[in-house]
Amino acid sequence: MERKIEANQPMYELAIDARGCYFEVYINDVPVYFHYNVGATAFRLPVNSFIPKSGDQRISLKMFSVIEGKPLPVGAEVSLTIDEYPKGEARERKTKFSYKTPAIESKNSGSFANEKIICS
């Protein structure tokens, strides 16, 4: 099913900055991005297609150690930001959501999961 974006509907963009782990990001329980490569990554992607209607939205993050059965390394982190801007006006960004994982303790299970509600 194709979802049409209204001409006056704002655009939403997810910025991801991550290092030291594998991770998965979901919006409203739909997989948005999976990262299973060693090394840091930083990028932005549009997420309007993951927002089926106005109102509260849910974003979920799962982090995993790059070495199965080992703890996440100290310094592993993921930052997520969702910006809103009028269609065609990327310079007019307004941050709707910002999240950074808490500091990783040296003794951990090798995974981390968190879910947040974005009120829009």
Protein backbone atom coordinates (compact mmCIF):
# COMPACT_ATOMS: atom_id res chain seq x y z
CA MET A 1 0.00 0.00 0.00
CA GLU A 2 1.48 3.32 -1.06
CA ARG A 3 1.08 6.24 1.31
CA LYS A 4 0.83 9.67 -0.26
CA ILE A 5 2.44 12.63 1.46
CA GLU A 6 0.30 15.76 1.42
CA ALA A 7 1.87 18.85 -0.14
CA ASN A 8 1.77 20.76 3.15
CA GLN A 9 2.79 17.83 5.39
CA PRO A 10 6.13 18.35 7.15
CA MET A 11 9.02 16.01 6.40
CA TYR A 12 10.58 13.95 9.18
CA GLU A 13 14.20 12.84 9.11
CA LEU A 14 16.01 10.46 11.46
CA ALA A 15 19.69 11.16 12.17
CA ILE A 16 21.71 8.23 13.51
CA ASP A 17 25.22 8.44 14.96
CA ALA A 18 26.61 5.18 16.35
CA ARG A 19 29.86 3.52 17.33
CA GLY A 20 31.12 0.34 18.97
CA CYS A 21 28.07 -1.88 18.43
CA TYR A 22 25.60 -3.48 16.10
CA PHE A 23 22.13 -1.93 16.35
CA GLU A 24 18.55 -1.95 15.11
CA VAL A 25 16.10 0.98 14.98
CA TYR A 26 12.32 0.60 14.76
CA ILE A 27 9.59 3.22 14.40
CA ASN A 28 6.12 2.04 15.42
CA ASP A 29 7.49 -1.55 15.52
CA VAL A 30 8.58 -1.39 11.86
CA PRO A 31 12.29 -1.94 11.17
CA VAL A 32 13.81 1.31 9.91
CA TYR A 33 17.50 0.45 9.89
CA PHE A 34 19.76 -2.45 10.93
CA HIS A 35 23.54 -1.98 11.27
CA TYR A 36 25.61 -5.18 11.48
CA ASN A 37 28.98 -3.83 10.35
CA VAL A 38 32.01 -3.18 12.51
CA GLY A 39 32.81 0.51 12.79
CA ALA A 40 31.10 3.82 13.38
CA THR A 41 28.30 5.19 11.23
CA ALA A 42 26.48 8.50 10.91
CA PHE A 43 23.71 9.35 8.45
CA ARG A 44 20.20 10.77 7.97
CA LEU A 45 17.16 9.17 6.38
CA PRO A 46 13.56 10.26 5.77
CA VAL A 47 11.00 8.44 7.94
CA ASN A 48 7.59 9.76 6.84
CA SER A 49 6.69 6.34 5.45
CA PHE A 50 7.02 4.86 8.98
CA ILE A 51 4.52 7.34 10.47
CA PRO A 52 1.05 6.10 9.48
CA LYS A 53 -0.97 8.82 11.24
CA SER A 54 -0.58 11.90 13.42
CA GLY A 55 -0.24 11.56 17.18
CA ASP A 56 2.19 9.70 19.41
CA GLN A 57 4.88 7.63 17.67
CA ARG A 58 7.16 4.97 19.17
CA ILE A 59 10.87 4.61 18.43
CA SER A 60 12.82 1.58 19.64
CA LEU A 61 16.55 0.88 19.73
CA LYS A 62 18.35 -2.41 20.24
CA MET A 63 22.14 -2.57 20.61
CA PHE A 64 24.29 -5.71 20.44
CA SER A 65 27.95 -6.49 21.03
CA VAL A 66 29.96 -7.04 17.84
CA ILE A 67 31.42 -10.14 19.49
CA GLU A 68 28.70 -12.63 20.39
CA GLY A 69 28.66 -13.49 24.09
CA LYS A 70 30.92 -10.57 25.03
CA PRO A 71 29.93 -7.28 26.72
CA LEU A 72 29.37 -4.08 24.78
CA PRO A 73 32.62 -2.08 24.85
CA VAL A 74 32.86 0.99 27.06
CA GLY A 75 32.23 3.92 24.74
CA ALA A 76 29.68 2.12 22.57
CA GLU A 77 26.77 4.47 21.94
CA VAL A 78 23.91 5.35 19.63
CA SER A 79 22.39 8.81 19.23
CA LEU A 80 19.02 9.25 17.53
CA THR A 81 17.45 12.57 16.50
CA ILE A 82 14.23 13.17 14.60
CA ASP A 83 13.96 16.54 12.90
CA GLU A 84 10.87 18.05 11.33
CA TYR A 85 10.96 20.59 8.53
CA PRO A 86 8.49 22.05 6.05
CA LYS A 87 8.67 20.21 2.73
CA GLY A 88 11.37 21.87 0.63
CA GLU A 89 12.79 23.87 3.57
CA ALA A 90 15.52 21.65 5.09
CA ARG A 91 17.20 24.71 6.63
CA GLU A 92 14.19 25.25 8.89
CA ARG A 93 14.72 22.06 10.92
CA LYS A 94 13.05 21.70 14.29
CA THR A 95 14.16 18.83 16.53
CA LYS A 96 11.16 16.76 17.67
CA PHE A 97 13.10 14.00 19.44
CA SER A 98 16.66 13.48 20.65
CA TYR A 99 18.10 10.49 22.48
CA LYS A 100 21.56 9.21 23.38
CA THR A 101 22.19 5.88 25.06
CA PRO A 102 23.44 6.03 28.64
CA ALA A 103 27.12 5.35 29.34
CA ILE A 104 27.94 1.67 28.96
CA GLU A 105 29.30 0.04 32.11
CA SER A 106 32.32 -2.24 31.72
CA LYS A 107 30.28 -5.19 33.00
CA ASN A 108 27.16 -5.53 30.86
CA SER A 109 25.15 -8.25 29.15
CA GLY A 110 26.28 -7.40 25.64
CA SER A 111 22.89 -5.99 24.66
CA PHE A 112 20.73 -2.96 25.37
CA ALA A 113 17.15 -2.12 24.42
CA ASN A 114 15.09 1.03 24.92
CA GLU A 115 11.77 2.33 23.68
CA LYS A 116 10.60 5.94 23.71
CA ILE A 117 7.33 7.60 22.84
CA ILE A 118 7.59 10.66 20.60
CA CYS A 119 4.71 13.03 21.19
CA SER A 120 3.85 14.91 18.05
